[in-house]
Amino acid sequence: MRLKAEIWVKAYIRICMGQDVPAVVVRRGHSDAGAIYLKINRLDGTASLWGPAPAGLDSMESDRMWSLCHETDTIAEADADRYLERQFSFDPDIWIVEVEARNGRNFLDEMVLF
């Protein structure tokens, strides 16, 4: 069984904060099943966007799979914001979490799911 979106987001923010990396909820989505997008702000005008893996690639019920939302490692922060606004216009239940990490670290490999 997959963790509810709100619980996953709270755990993720706790992991970031435990590493002294600021992370905040920019947009709160549906507490149970909202899609989650992570904006990794590199604080130099660029960002990386991570979102749910495309359908079919996310085959495990109990784990979230992630993929970059763009083809390059980083994009302009303004482009990242426009992408997220488009996603919100399609699905107002999405979560957006912003992490401030100059090195681009996303902490996705450190999630512990029960």
PDB file of N, CA and C in Angstrom:
ATOM      1  N   MET A   1       0.851  -1.185   0.000  1.00  0.00           N
ATOM      2  CA  MET A   1       0.000   0.000   0.000  1.00  0.00           C
ATOM      3  C   MET A   1       0.894   1.246   0.000  1.00  0.00           C
ATOM      4  N   ARG A   2       0.585   2.177  -0.862  1.00  0.00           N
ATOM      5  CA  ARG A   2       1.360   3.404  -0.996  1.00  0.00           C
ATOM      6  C   ARG A   2       0.989   4.395   0.111  1.00  0.00           C
ATOM      7  N   LEU A   3       1.996   5.099   0.618  1.00  0.00           N
ATOM      8  CA  LEU A   3       1.749   6.144   1.613  1.00  0.00           C
ATOM      9  C   LEU A   3       0.885   7.249   1.010  1.00  0.00           C
ATOM     10  N   LYS A   4       0.043   7.832   1.820  1.00  0.00           N
ATOM     11  CA  LYS A   4      -0.739   8.979   1.377  1.00  0.00           C
ATOM     12  C   LYS A   4       0.221  10.113   1.034  1.00  0.00           C
ATOM     13  N   ALA A   5      -0.173  10.940   0.086  1.00  0.00           N
ATOM     14  CA  ALA A   5       0.683  12.024  -0.400  1.00  0.00           C
ATOM     15  C   ALA A   5       1.124  12.941   0.744  1.00  0.00           C
ATOM     16  N   GLU A   6       0.210  13.309   1.607  1.00  0.00           N
ATOM     17  CA  GLU A   6       0.549  14.230   2.693  1.00  0.00           C
ATOM     18  C   GLU A   6       1.604  13.640   3.631  1.00  0.00           C
ATOM     19  N   ILE A   7       1.488  12.381   3.943  1.00  0.00           N
ATOM     20  CA  ILE A   7       2.467  11.728   4.813  1.00  0.00           C
ATOM     21  C   ILE A   7       3.824  11.655   4.115  1.00  0.00           C
ATOM     22  N   TRP A   8       3.833  11.306   2.812  1.00  0.00           N
ATOM     23  CA  TRP A   8       5.081  11.232   2.062  1.00  0.00           C
ATOM     24  C   TRP A   8       5.772  12.585   2.058  1.00  0.00           C
ATOM     25  N   VAL A   9       5.009  13.654   1.793  1.00  0.00           N
ATOM     26  CA  VAL A   9       5.582  15.002   1.733  1.00  0.00           C
ATOM     27  C   VAL A   9       6.159  15.393   3.092  1.00  0.00           C
ATOM     28  N   LYS A  10       5.451  15.124   4.159  1.00  0.00           N
ATOM     29  CA  LYS A  10       5.965  15.467   5.497  1.00  0.00           C
ATOM     30  C   LYS A  10       7.262  14.715   5.798  1.00  0.00           C
ATOM     31  N   ALA A  11       7.324  13.437   5.444  1.00  0.00           N
ATOM     32  CA  ALA A  11       8.538  12.648   5.669  1.00  0.00           C
ATOM     33  C   ALA A  11       9.687  13.189   4.825  1.00  0.00           C
ATOM     34  N   TYR A  12       9.412  13.529   3.575  1.00  0.00           N
ATOM     35  CA  TYR A  12      10.442  14.057   2.677  1.00  0.00           C
ATOM     36  C   TYR A  12      11.007  15.375   3.211  1.00  0.00           C
ATOM     37  N   ILE A  13      10.139  16.258   3.657  1.00  0.00           N
ATOM     38  CA  ILE A  13      10.595  17.539   4.207  1.00  0.00           C
ATOM     39  C   ILE A  13      11.432  17.307   5.459  1.00  0.00           C
ATOM     40  N   ARG A  14      11.046  16.365   6.270  1.00  0.00           N
ATOM     41  CA  ARG A  14      11.813  16.052   7.477  1.00  0.00           C
ATOM     42  C   ARG A  14      13.218  15.563   7.115  1.00  0.00           C
ATOM     43  N   ILE A  15      13.332  14.743   6.076  1.00  0.00           N
ATOM     44  CA  ILE A  15      14.644  14.268   5.624  1.00  0.00           C
ATOM     45  C   ILE A  15      15.505  15.445   5.165  1.00  0.00           C
ATOM     46  N   CYS A  16      14.924  16.332   4.375  1.00  0.00           N
ATOM     47  CA  CYS A  16      15.675  17.501   3.908  1.00  0.00           C
ATOM     48  C   CYS A  16      16.123  18.366   5.079  1.00  0.00           C
ATOM     49  N   MET A  17      15.229  18.653   5.978  1.00  0.00           N
ATOM     50  CA  MET A  17      15.550  19.497   7.126  1.00  0.00           C
ATOM     51  C   MET A  17      16.604  18.845   8.014  1.00  0.00           C
ATOM     52  N   GLY A  18      16.570  17.518   8.098  1.00  0.00           N
ATOM     53  CA  GLY A  18      17.577  16.794   8.874  1.00  0.00           C
ATOM     54  C   GLY A  18      18.978  16.943   8.293  1.00  0.00           C
ATOM     55  N   GLN A  19      19.065  17.308   7.023  1.00  0.00           N
ATOM     56  CA  GLN A  19      20.342  17.549   6.353  1.00  0.00           C
ATOM     57  C   GLN A  19      20.633  19.048   6.237  1.00  0.00           C
ATOM     58  N   ASP A  20      19.871  19.865   6.977  1.00  0.00           N
ATOM     59  CA  ASP A  20      19.995  21.332   6.948  1.00  0.00           C
ATOM     60  C   ASP A  20      19.768  21.901   5.555  1.00  0.00           C
ATOM     61  N   VAL A  21      18.851  21.290   4.825  1.00  0.00           N
ATOM     62  CA  VAL A  21      18.483  21.757   3.492  1.00  0.00           C
ATOM     63  C   VAL A  21      17.032  22.231   3.563  1.00  0.00           C
ATOM     64  N   PRO A  22      16.787  23.525   3.323  1.00  0.00           N
ATOM     65  CA  PRO A  22      15.422  24.034   3.393  1.00  0.00           C
ATOM     66  C   PRO A  22      14.505  23.384   2.358  1.00  0.00           C
ATOM     67  N   ALA A  23      13.309  23.028   2.792  1.00  0.00           N
ATOM     68  CA  ALA A  23      12.289  22.464   1.903  1.00  0.00           C
ATOM     69  C   ALA A  23      10.930  22.931   2.405  1.00  0.00           C
ATOM     70  N   VAL A  24      10.095  23.385   1.484  1.00  0.00           N
ATOM     71  CA  VAL A  24       8.772  23.886   1.858  1.00  0.00           C
ATOM     72  C   VAL A  24       7.721  23.405   0.869  1.00  0.00           C
ATOM     73  N   VAL A  25       6.504  23.324   1.345  1.00  0.00           N
ATOM     74  CA  VAL A  25       5.363  23.029   0.479  1.00  0.00           C
ATOM     75  C   VAL A  25       4.941  24.349  -0.164  1.00  0.00           C
ATOM     76  N   VAL A  26       5.045  24.409  -1.476  1.00  0.00           N
ATOM     77  CA  VAL A  26       4.651  25.602  -2.221  1.00  0.00           C
ATOM     78  C   VAL A  26       3.167  25.536  -2.558  1.00  0.00           C
ATOM     79  N   ARG A  27       2.692  24.335  -2.851  1.00  0.00           N
ATOM     80  CA  ARG A  27       1.280  24.126  -3.162  1.00  0.00           C
ATOM     81  C   ARG A  27       0.850  22.819  -2.530  1.00  0.00           C
ATOM     82  N   ARG A  28      -0.201  22.897  -1.739  1.00  0.00           N
ATOM     83  CA  ARG A  28      -0.724  21.709  -1.063  1.00  0.00           C
ATOM     84  C   ARG A  28      -1.791  21.067  -1.950  1.00  0.00           C
ATOM     85  N   GLY A  29      -1.620  19.783  -2.204  1.00  0.00           N
ATOM     86  CA  GLY A  29      -2.560  19.059  -3.043  1.00  0.00           C
ATOM     87  C   GLY A  29      -3.502  18.191  -2.231  1.00  0.00           C
ATOM     88  N   HIS A  30      -4.105  17.228  -2.892  1.00  0.00           N
ATOM     89  CA  HIS A  30      -5.020  16.289  -2.252  1.00  0.00           C
ATOM     90  C   HIS A  30      -4.244  15.475  -1.225  1.00  0.00           C
ATOM     91  N   SER A  31      -4.751  15.386  -0.006  1.00  0.00           N
ATOM     92  CA  SER A  31      -3.989  14.761   1.075  1.00  0.00           C
ATOM     93  C   SER A  31      -3.761  13.272   0.878  1.00  0.00           C
ATOM     94  N   ASP A  32      -4.641  12.605   0.165  1.00  0.00           N
ATOM     95  CA  ASP A  32      -4.493  11.157  -0.001  1.00  0.00           C
ATOM     96  C   ASP A  32      -3.725  10.773  -1.258  1.00  0.00           C
ATOM     97  N   ALA A  33      -4.090  11.360  -2.387  1.00  0.00           N
ATOM     98  CA  ALA A  33      -3.566  10.824  -3.643  1.00  0.00           C
ATOM     99  C   ALA A  33      -3.081  11.884  -4.623  1.00  0.00           C
ATOM    100  N   GLY A  34      -2.788  13.079  -4.184  1.00  0.00           N
ATOM    101  CA  GLY A  34      -2.302  14.095  -5.105  1.00  0.00           C
ATOM    102  C   GLY A  34      -0.926  13.746  -5.643  1.00  0.00           C
ATOM    103  N   ALA A  35      -0.702  14.031  -6.922  1.00  0.00           N
ATOM    104  CA  ALA A  35       0.623  13.832  -7.514  1.00  0.00           C
ATOM    105  C   ALA A  35       1.594  14.820  -6.863  1.00  0.00           C
ATOM    106  N   ILE A  36       2.846  14.399  -6.697  1.00  0.00           N
ATOM    107  CA  ILE A  36       3.849  15.223  -6.026  1.00  0.00           C
ATOM    108  C   ILE A  36       4.925  15.609  -7.029  1.00  0.00           C
ATOM    109  N   TYR A  37       5.252  16.892  -7.067  1.00  0.00           N
ATOM    110  CA  TYR A  37       6.334  17.413  -7.888  1.00  0.00           C
ATOM    111  C   TYR A  37       7.359  18.059  -6.969  1.00  0.00           C
ATOM    112  N   LEU A  38       8.628  17.810  -7.248  1.00  0.00           N
ATOM    113  CA  LEU A  38       9.723  18.362  -6.464  1.00  0.00           C
ATOM    114  C   LEU A  38      10.526  19.315  -7.331  1.00  0.00           C
ATOM    115  N   LYS A  39      10.639  20.548  -6.868  1.00  0.00           N
ATOM    116  CA  LYS A  39      11.463  21.538  -7.555  1.00  0.00           C
ATOM    117  C   LYS A  39      12.735  21.700  -6.726  1.00  0.00           C
ATOM    118  N   ILE A  40      13.859  21.323  -7.313  1.00  0.00           N
ATOM    119  CA  ILE A  40      15.140  21.464  -6.643  1.00  0.00           C
ATOM    120  C   ILE A  40      15.763  22.768  -7.140  1.00  0.00           C
ATOM    121  N   ASN A  41      15.652  23.804  -6.326  1.00  0.00           N
ATOM    122  CA  ASN A  41      16.135  25.135  -6.674  1.00  0.00           C
ATOM    123  C   ASN A  41      17.626  25.209  -6.354  1.00  0.00           C
ATOM    124  N   ARG A  42      18.449  25.461  -7.371  1.00  0.00           N
ATOM    125  CA  ARG A  42      19.903  25.508  -7.184  1.00  0.00           C
ATOM    126  C   ARG A  42      20.395  26.898  -6.761  1.00  0.00           C
ATOM    127  N   LEU A  43      19.462  27.822  -6.594  1.00  0.00           N
ATOM    128  CA  LEU A  43      19.763  29.170  -6.098  1.00  0.00           C
ATOM    129  C   LEU A  43      20.702  29.951  -7.016  1.00  0.00           C
ATOM    130  N   ASP A  44      20.747  29.563  -8.288  1.00  0.00           N
ATOM    131  CA  ASP A  44      21.551  30.297  -9.268  1.00  0.00           C
ATOM    132  C   ASP A  44      20.714  30.626 -10.510  1.00  0.00           C
ATOM    133  N   GLY A  45      19.384  30.560 -10.351  1.00  0.00           N
ATOM    134  CA  GLY A  45      18.492  30.813 -11.481  1.00  0.00           C
ATOM    135  C   GLY A  45      18.099  29.561 -12.236  1.00  0.00           C
ATOM    136  N   THR A  46      18.601  28.393 -11.781  1.00  0.00           N
ATOM    137  CA  THR A  46      18.247  27.129 -12.422  1.00  0.00           C
ATOM    138  C   THR A  46      17.594  26.198 -11.409  1.00  0.00           C
ATOM    139  N   ALA A  47      16.946  25.172 -11.934  1.00  0.00           N
ATOM    140  CA  ALA A  47      16.263  24.205 -11.076  1.00  0.00           C
ATOM    141  C   ALA A  47      16.155  22.868 -11.798  1.00  0.00           C
ATOM    142  N   SER A  48      15.894  21.833 -11.024  1.00  0.00           N
ATOM    143  CA  SER A  48      15.544  20.520 -11.561  1.00  0.00           C
ATOM    144  C   SER A  48      14.133  20.219 -11.101  1.00  0.00           C
ATOM    145  N   LEU A  49      13.367  19.580 -11.963  1.00  0.00           N
ATOM    146  CA  LEU A  49      11.999  19.200 -11.602  1.00  0.00           C
ATOM    147  C   LEU A  49      11.871  17.690 -11.651  1.00  0.00           C
ATOM    148  N   TRP A  50      11.331  17.136 -10.587  1.00  0.00           N
ATOM    149  CA  TRP A  50      11.067  15.704 -10.516  1.00  0.00           C
ATOM    150  C   TRP A  50       9.582  15.511 -10.304  1.00  0.00           C
ATOM    151  N   GLY A  51       9.024  14.542 -11.007  1.00  0.00           N
ATOM    152  CA  GLY A  51       7.605  14.254 -10.879  1.00  0.00           C
ATOM    153  C   GLY A  51       7.354  12.769 -10.943  1.00  0.00           C
ATOM    154  N   PRO A  52       6.100  12.385 -10.863  1.00  0.00           N
ATOM    155  CA  PRO A  52       5.759  10.960 -10.924  1.00  0.00           C
ATOM    156  C   PRO A  52       6.230  10.349 -12.240  1.00  0.00           C
ATOM    157  N   ALA A  53       6.761   9.148 -12.150  1.00  0.00           N
ATOM    158  CA  ALA A  53       7.167   8.437 -13.362  1.00  0.00           C
ATOM    159  C   ALA A  53       5.941   8.194 -14.229  1.00  0.00           C
ATOM    160  N   PRO A  54       6.112   8.169 -15.537  1.00  0.00           N
ATOM    161  CA  PRO A  54       4.975   7.920 -16.428  1.00  0.00           C
ATOM    162  C   PRO A  54       4.287   6.589 -16.111  1.00  0.00           C
ATOM    163  N   ALA A  55       3.000   6.534 -16.388  1.00  0.00           N
ATOM    164  CA  ALA A  55       2.232   5.304 -16.160  1.00  0.00           C
ATOM    165  C   ALA A  55       2.909   4.144 -16.861  1.00  0.00           C
ATOM    166  N   GLY A  56       2.933   3.018 -16.191  1.00  0.00           N
ATOM    167  CA  GLY A  56       3.582   1.831 -16.737  1.00  0.00           C
ATOM    168  C   GLY A  56       4.991   1.658 -16.205  1.00  0.00           C
ATOM    169  N   LEU A  57       5.670   2.765 -15.920  1.00  0.00           N
ATOM    170  CA  LEU A  57       6.999   2.674 -15.317  1.00  0.00           C
ATOM    171  C   LEU A  57       6.895   2.586 -13.802  1.00  0.00           C
ATOM    172  N   ASP A  58       5.798   3.055 -13.262  1.00  0.00           N
ATOM    173  CA  ASP A  58       5.564   3.025 -11.821  1.00  0.00           C
ATOM    174  C   ASP A  58       4.801   1.747 -11.501  1.00  0.00           C
ATOM    175  N   SER A  59       5.514   0.634 -11.479  1.00  0.00           N
ATOM    176  CA  SER A  59       4.847  -0.657 -11.365  1.00  0.00           C
ATOM    177  C   SER A  59       4.655  -1.147  -9.942  1.00  0.00           C
ATOM    178  N   MET A  60       5.321  -0.520  -8.992  1.00  0.00           N
ATOM    179  CA  MET A  60       5.208  -1.004  -7.620  1.00  0.00           C
ATOM    180  C   MET A  60       4.129  -0.220  -6.884  1.00  0.00           C
ATOM    181  N   GLU A  61       3.252  -0.920  -6.208  1.00  0.00           N
ATOM    182  CA  GLU A  61       2.181  -0.261  -5.470  1.00  0.00           C
ATOM    183  C   GLU A  61       2.684   0.478  -4.241  1.00  0.00           C
ATOM    184  N   SER A  62       3.781   0.009  -3.637  1.00  0.00           N
ATOM    185  CA  SER A  62       4.195   0.548  -2.359  1.00  0.00           C
ATOM    186  C   SER A  62       5.326   1.571  -2.467  1.00  0.00           C
ATOM    187  N   ASP A  63       5.783   1.866  -3.646  1.00  0.00           N
ATOM    188  CA  ASP A  63       6.903   2.776  -3.779  1.00  0.00           C
ATOM    189  C   ASP A  63       6.585   3.814  -4.845  1.00  0.00           C
ATOM    190  N   ARG A  64       7.086   5.004  -4.648  1.00  0.00           N
ATOM    191  CA  ARG A  64       6.923   6.045  -5.667  1.00  0.00           C
ATOM    192  C   ARG A  64       8.133   6.014  -6.585  1.00  0.00           C
ATOM    193  N   MET A  65       7.881   6.096  -7.860  1.00  0.00           N
ATOM    194  CA  MET A  65       8.946   6.156  -8.858  1.00  0.00           C
ATOM    195  C   MET A  65       9.002   7.586  -9.375  1.00  0.00           C
ATOM    196  N   TRP A  66      10.199   8.069  -9.639  1.00  0.00           N
ATOM    197  CA  TRP A  66      10.400   9.458 -10.028  1.00  0.00           C
ATOM    198  C   TRP A  66      11.106   9.545 -11.364  1.00  0.00           C
ATOM    199  N   SER A  67      10.848  10.625 -12.080  1.00  0.00           N
ATOM    200  CA  SER A  67      11.587  10.913 -13.299  1.00  0.00           C
ATOM    201  C   SER A  67      11.709  12.428 -13.444  1.00  0.00           C
ATOM    202  N   LEU A  68      12.766  12.848 -14.155  1.00  0.00           N
ATOM    203  CA  LEU A  68      12.914  14.271 -14.444  1.00  0.00           C
ATOM    204  C   LEU A  68      11.767  14.713 -15.346  1.00  0.00           C
ATOM    205  N   CYS A  69      11.304  15.907 -15.137  1.00  0.00           N
ATOM    206  CA  CYS A  69      10.203  16.440 -15.940  1.00  0.00           C
ATOM    207  C   CYS A  69      10.701  17.145 -17.192  1.00  0.00           C
ATOM    208  N   HIS A  70      12.002  17.134 -17.424  1.00  0.00           N
ATOM    209  CA  HIS A  70      12.589  17.789 -18.582  1.00  0.00           C
ATOM    210  C   HIS A  70      13.781  16.972 -19.048  1.00  0.00           C
ATOM    211  N   GLU A  71      14.290  17.273 -20.220  1.00  0.00           N
ATOM    212  CA  GLU A  71      15.335  16.443 -20.828  1.00  0.00           C
ATOM    213  C   GLU A  71      16.733  16.715 -20.298  1.00  0.00           C
ATOM    214  N   THR A  72      16.993  17.916 -19.831  1.00  0.00           N
ATOM    215  CA  THR A  72      18.321  18.255 -19.334  1.00  0.00           C
ATOM    216  C   THR A  72      18.353  18.182 -17.816  1.00  0.00           C
ATOM    217  N   ASP A  73      19.567  18.191 -17.269  1.00  0.00           N
ATOM    218  CA  ASP A  73      19.724  18.086 -15.820  1.00  0.00           C
ATOM    219  C   ASP A  73      19.100  19.273 -15.088  1.00  0.00           C
ATOM    220  N   THR A  74      19.219  20.448 -15.677  1.00  0.00           N
ATOM    221  CA  THR A  74      18.637  21.650 -15.080  1.00  0.00           C
ATOM    222  C   THR A  74      17.970  22.489 -16.168  1.00  0.00           C
ATOM    223  N   ILE A  75      17.059  23.318 -15.725  1.00  0.00           N
ATOM    224  CA  ILE A  75      16.408  24.288 -16.616  1.00  0.00           C
ATOM    225  C   ILE A  75      16.336  25.618 -15.878  1.00  0.00           C
ATOM    226  N   ALA A  76      16.000  26.668 -16.587  1.00  0.00           N
ATOM    227  CA  ALA A  76      15.825  27.972 -15.950  1.00  0.00           C
ATOM    228  C   ALA A  76      14.690  27.882 -14.938  1.00  0.00           C
ATOM    229  N   GLU A  77      14.868  28.539 -13.815  1.00  0.00           N
ATOM    230  CA  GLU A  77      13.847  28.482 -12.768  1.00  0.00           C
ATOM    231  C   GLU A  77      12.492  28.970 -13.278  1.00  0.00           C
ATOM    232  N   ALA A  78      12.485  29.996 -14.111  1.00  0.00           N
ATOM    233  CA  ALA A  78      11.228  30.501 -14.673  1.00  0.00           C
ATOM    234  C   ALA A  78      10.535  29.430 -15.515  1.00  0.00           C
ATOM    235  N   ASP A  79      11.310  28.651 -16.262  1.00  0.00           N
ATOM    236  CA  ASP A  79      10.726  27.557 -17.056  1.00  0.00           C
ATOM    237  C   ASP A  79      10.145  26.483 -16.142  1.00  0.00           C
ATOM    238  N   ALA A  80      10.825  26.213 -15.044  1.00  0.00           N
ATOM    239  CA  ALA A  80      10.322  25.235 -14.073  1.00  0.00           C
ATOM    240  C   ALA A  80       8.981  25.700 -13.499  1.00  0.00           C
ATOM    241  N   ASP A  81       8.904  26.974 -13.166  1.00  0.00           N
ATOM    242  CA  ASP A  81       7.658  27.515 -12.609  1.00  0.00           C
ATOM    243  C   ASP A  81       6.519  27.450 -13.623  1.00  0.00           C
ATOM    244  N   ARG A  82       6.818  27.741 -14.885  1.00  0.00           N
ATOM    245  CA  ARG A  82       5.788  27.651 -15.928  1.00  0.00           C
ATOM    246  C   ARG A  82       5.306  26.214 -16.097  1.00  0.00           C
ATOM    247  N   TYR A  83       6.236  25.265 -16.066  1.00  0.00           N
ATOM    248  CA  TYR A  83       5.874  23.852 -16.172  1.00  0.00           C
ATOM    249  C   TYR A  83       4.930  23.459 -15.030  1.00  0.00           C
ATOM    250  N   LEU A  84       5.255  23.874 -13.827  1.00  0.00           N
ATOM    251  CA  LEU A  84       4.420  23.527 -12.668  1.00  0.00           C
ATOM    252  C   LEU A  84       3.042  24.181 -12.748  1.00  0.00           C
ATOM    253  N   GLU A  85       2.980  25.400 -13.250  1.00  0.00           N
ATOM    254  CA  GLU A  85       1.685  26.055 -13.417  1.00  0.00           C
ATOM    255  C   GLU A  85       0.826  25.304 -14.435  1.00  0.00           C
ATOM    256  N   ARG A  86       1.440  24.815 -15.513  1.00  0.00           N
ATOM    257  CA  ARG A  86       0.690  24.020 -16.497  1.00  0.00           C
ATOM    258  C   ARG A  86       0.168  22.734 -15.845  1.00  0.00           C
ATOM    259  N   GLN A  87       1.010  22.077 -15.057  1.00  0.00           N
ATOM    260  CA  GLN A  87       0.568  20.850 -14.384  1.00  0.00           C
ATOM    261  C   GLN A  87      -0.600  21.139 -13.457  1.00  0.00           C
ATOM    262  N   PHE A  88      -0.531  22.257 -12.754  1.00  0.00           N
ATOM    263  CA  PHE A  88      -1.622  22.641 -11.851  1.00  0.00           C
ATOM    264  C   PHE A  88      -2.900  22.921 -12.638  1.00  0.00           C
ATOM    265  N   SER A  89      -2.778  23.498 -13.829  1.00  0.00           N
ATOM    266  CA  SER A  89      -3.982  23.782 -14.616  1.00  0.00           C
ATOM    267  C   SER A  89      -4.652  22.480 -15.079  1.00  0.00           C
ATOM    268  N   PHE A  90      -3.860  21.404 -15.260  1.00  0.00           N
ATOM    269  CA  PHE A  90      -4.423  20.093 -15.617  1.00  0.00           C
ATOM    270  C   PHE A  90      -4.986  19.373 -14.398  1.00  0.00           C
ATOM    271  N   ASP A  91      -4.315  19.531 -13.267  1.00  0.00           N
ATOM    272  CA  ASP A  91      -4.669  18.778 -12.062  1.00  0.00           C
ATOM    273  C   ASP A  91      -4.462  19.649 -10.829  1.00  0.00           C
ATOM    274  N   PRO A  92      -5.515  20.275 -10.310  1.00  0.00           N
ATOM    275  CA  PRO A  92      -5.365  21.158  -9.152  1.00  0.00           C
ATOM    276  C   PRO A  92      -5.071  20.425  -7.839  1.00  0.00           C
ATOM    277  N   ASP A  93      -5.024  19.100  -7.863  1.00  0.00           N
ATOM    278  CA  ASP A  93      -4.736  18.331  -6.655  1.00  0.00           C
ATOM    279  C   ASP A  93      -3.252  18.036  -6.457  1.00  0.00           C
ATOM    280  N   ILE A  94      -2.360  18.617  -7.289  1.00  0.00           N
ATOM    281  CA  ILE A  94      -0.934  18.300  -7.172  1.00  0.00           C
ATOM    282  C   ILE A  94      -0.303  18.987  -5.959  1.00  0.00           C
ATOM    283  N   TRP A  95       0.758  18.363  -5.484  1.00  0.00           N
ATOM    284  CA  TRP A  95       1.623  18.945  -4.457  1.00  0.00           C
ATOM    285  C   TRP A  95       2.868  19.474  -5.156  1.00  0.00           C
ATOM    286  N   ILE A  96       3.369  20.612  -4.684  1.00  0.00           N
ATOM    287  CA  ILE A  96       4.645  21.132  -5.159  1.00  0.00           C
ATOM    288  C   ILE A  96       5.508  21.404  -3.931  1.00  0.00           C
ATOM    289  N   VAL A  97       6.662  20.750  -3.892  1.00  0.00           N
ATOM    290  CA  VAL A  97       7.613  20.937  -2.807  1.00  0.00           C
ATOM    291  C   VAL A  97       8.874  21.549  -3.406  1.00  0.00           C
ATOM    292  N   GLU A  98       9.353  22.629  -2.807  1.00  0.00           N
ATOM    293  CA  GLU A  98      10.581  23.266  -3.281  1.00  0.00           C
ATOM    294  C   GLU A  98      11.700  23.029  -2.279  1.00  0.00           C
ATOM    295  N   VAL A  99      12.830  22.589  -2.802  1.00  0.00           N
ATOM    296  CA  VAL A  99      14.020  22.312  -1.999  1.00  0.00           C
ATOM    297  C   VAL A  99      15.111  23.263  -2.465  1.00  0.00           C
ATOM    298  N   GLU A 100      15.812  23.909  -1.525  1.00  0.00           N
ATOM    299  CA  GLU A 100      16.916  24.793  -1.878  1.00  0.00           C
ATOM    300  C   GLU A 100      18.221  24.037  -1.689  1.00  0.00           C
ATOM    301  N   ALA A 101      18.790  23.565  -2.793  1.00  0.00           N
ATOM    302  CA  ALA A 101      20.020  22.772  -2.748  1.00  0.00           C
ATOM    303  C   ALA A 101      20.946  23.207  -3.882  1.00  0.00           C
ATOM    304  N   ARG A 102      21.954  23.963  -3.550  1.00  0.00           N
ATOM    305  CA  ARG A 102      22.901  24.452  -4.567  1.00  0.00           C
ATOM    306  C   ARG A 102      23.512  23.311  -5.376  1.00  0.00           C
ATOM    307  N   ASN A 103      23.735  22.175  -4.736  1.00  0.00           N
ATOM    308  CA  ASN A 103      24.355  21.034  -5.414  1.00  0.00           C
ATOM    309  C   ASN A 103      23.345  20.178  -6.178  1.00  0.00           C
ATOM    310  N   GLY A 104      22.065  20.517  -6.109  1.00  0.00           N
ATOM    311  CA  GLY A 104      21.037  19.801  -6.846  1.00  0.00           C
ATOM    312  C   GLY A 104      20.593  18.501  -6.211  1.00  0.00           C
ATOM    313  N   ARG A 105      21.010  18.247  -5.003  1.00  0.00           N
ATOM    314  CA  ARG A 105      20.650  16.993  -4.333  1.00  0.00           C
ATOM    315  C   ARG A 105      19.145  16.930  -4.107  1.00  0.00           C
ATOM    316  N   ASN A 106      18.549  15.771  -4.441  1.00  0.00           N
ATOM    317  CA  ASN A 106      17.085  15.674  -4.345  1.00  0.00           C
ATOM    318  C   ASN A 106      16.603  14.778  -3.211  1.00  0.00           C
ATOM    319  N   PHE A 107      17.474  14.020  -2.578  1.00  0.00           N
ATOM    320  CA  PHE A 107      17.158  13.172  -1.426  1.00  0.00           C
ATOM    321  C   PHE A 107      16.160  12.054  -1.734  1.00  0.00           C
ATOM    322  N   LEU A 108      15.902  11.783  -2.989  1.00  0.00           N
ATOM    323  CA  LEU A 108      14.942  10.735  -3.316  1.00  0.00           C
ATOM    324  C   LEU A 108      15.480   9.348  -2.993  1.00  0.00           C
ATOM    325  N   ASP A 109      16.775   9.193  -2.999  1.00  0.00           N
ATOM    326  CA  ASP A 109      17.358   7.896  -2.692  1.00  0.00           C
ATOM    327  C   ASP A 109      17.361   7.600  -1.198  1.00  0.00           C
ATOM    328  N   GLU A 110      16.989   8.558  -0.374  1.00  0.00           N
ATOM    329  CA  GLU A 110      17.032   8.379   1.069  1.00  0.00           C
ATOM    330  C   GLU A 110      15.649   8.136   1.684  1.00  0.00           C
ATOM    331  N   MET A 111      14.620   8.047   0.876  1.00  0.00           N
ATOM    332  CA  MET A 111      13.272   7.842   1.421  1.00  0.00           C
ATOM    333  C   MET A 111      13.132   6.431   1.970  1.00  0.00           C
ATOM    334  N   VAL A 112      12.594   6.347   3.145  1.00  0.00           N
ATOM    335  CA  VAL A 112      12.302   5.047   3.752  1.00  0.00           C
ATOM    336  C   VAL A 112      10.788   4.893   3.750  1.00  0.00           C
ATOM    337  N   LEU A 113      10.293   3.920   3.011  1.00  0.00           N
ATOM    338  CA  LEU A 113       8.856   3.696   2.924  1.00  0.00           C
ATOM    339  C   LEU A 113       8.508   2.425   3.678  1.00  0.00           C
ATOM    340  N   PHE A 114       7.419   2.456   4.390  1.00  0.00           N
ATOM    341  CA  PHE A 114       6.977   1.288   5.169  1.00  0.00           C
ATOM    342  C   PHE A 114       5.941   0.500   4.408  1.00  0.00           C
TER     343      PHE A 114
END
